[in-house]
Amino acid sequence: TLAAGIERLLGDAALRARLRARLLERAPDNTWEARARRLLAWMEAAA
C-alpha cells in the first residue's frame, strides 16, 4: 500500500539515498521540453 511504502521510506535512510541519487540522475530527462518531444514522437508513431 501507499502507507507501507511511505513508512518504508521513513525508516530506511539507505533507500532514501538510493532513490534520491536515481532521481538526480534522471532529472535532466524529465523537463517539459523532453516530455513534449517524447509525446510528439509517440503521437507521430501512432498516426
Protein backbone atom coordinates (compact mmCIF):
# COMPACT_ATOMS: atom_id res chain seq x y z
CA THR A 1 0.00 0.00 0.00
CA LEU A 2 0.99 3.62 -0.27
CA ALA A 3 1.14 3.91 3.51
CA ALA A 4 3.51 0.94 3.73
CA GLY A 5 5.76 2.48 1.10
CA ILE A 6 5.88 5.78 2.96
CA GLU A 7 6.67 4.00 6.22
CA ARG A 8 9.45 2.09 4.49
CA LEU A 9 10.95 5.32 3.14
CA LEU A 10 10.73 7.00 6.53
CA GLY A 11 12.52 4.11 8.20
CA ASP A 12 15.21 3.37 5.61
CA ALA A 13 17.83 6.07 5.11
CA ALA A 14 19.78 3.96 2.60
CA LEU A 15 16.68 3.52 0.43
CA ARG A 16 16.05 7.27 0.52
CA ALA A 17 19.63 7.92 -0.53
CA ARG A 18 19.41 5.46 -3.44
CA LEU A 19 16.13 6.91 -4.66
CA ARG A 20 17.48 10.46 -4.36
CA ALA A 21 20.58 9.57 -6.38
CA ARG A 22 18.47 7.91 -9.07
CA LEU A 23 16.13 10.91 -9.20
CA LEU A 24 19.03 13.32 -9.64
CA GLU A 25 20.43 11.16 -12.47
CA ARG A 26 17.11 11.12 -14.30
CA ALA A 27 16.09 14.74 -13.68
CA PRO A 28 17.58 16.12 -16.92
CA ASP A 29 15.38 13.70 -18.91
CA ASN A 30 12.21 14.95 -17.25
CA THR A 31 11.96 18.54 -18.41
CA TRP A 32 8.74 19.76 -20.01
CA GLU A 33 10.56 20.02 -23.33
CA ALA A 34 11.87 16.45 -23.17
CA ARG A 35 8.45 15.12 -22.22
CA ALA A 36 6.81 17.06 -25.05
CA ARG A 37 9.31 15.60 -27.54
CA ARG A 38 8.59 12.06 -26.34
CA LEU A 39 4.85 12.64 -26.51
CA LEU A 40 5.09 14.08 -30.02
CA ALA A 41 7.22 11.12 -31.17
CA TRP A 42 4.68 8.72 -29.67
CA MET A 43 1.79 10.51 -31.41
CA GLU A 44 3.62 10.52 -34.75
CA ALA A 45 4.37 6.80 -34.44
CA ALA A 46 0.71 6.08 -33.68
CA ALA A 47 -0.56 8.06 -36.68
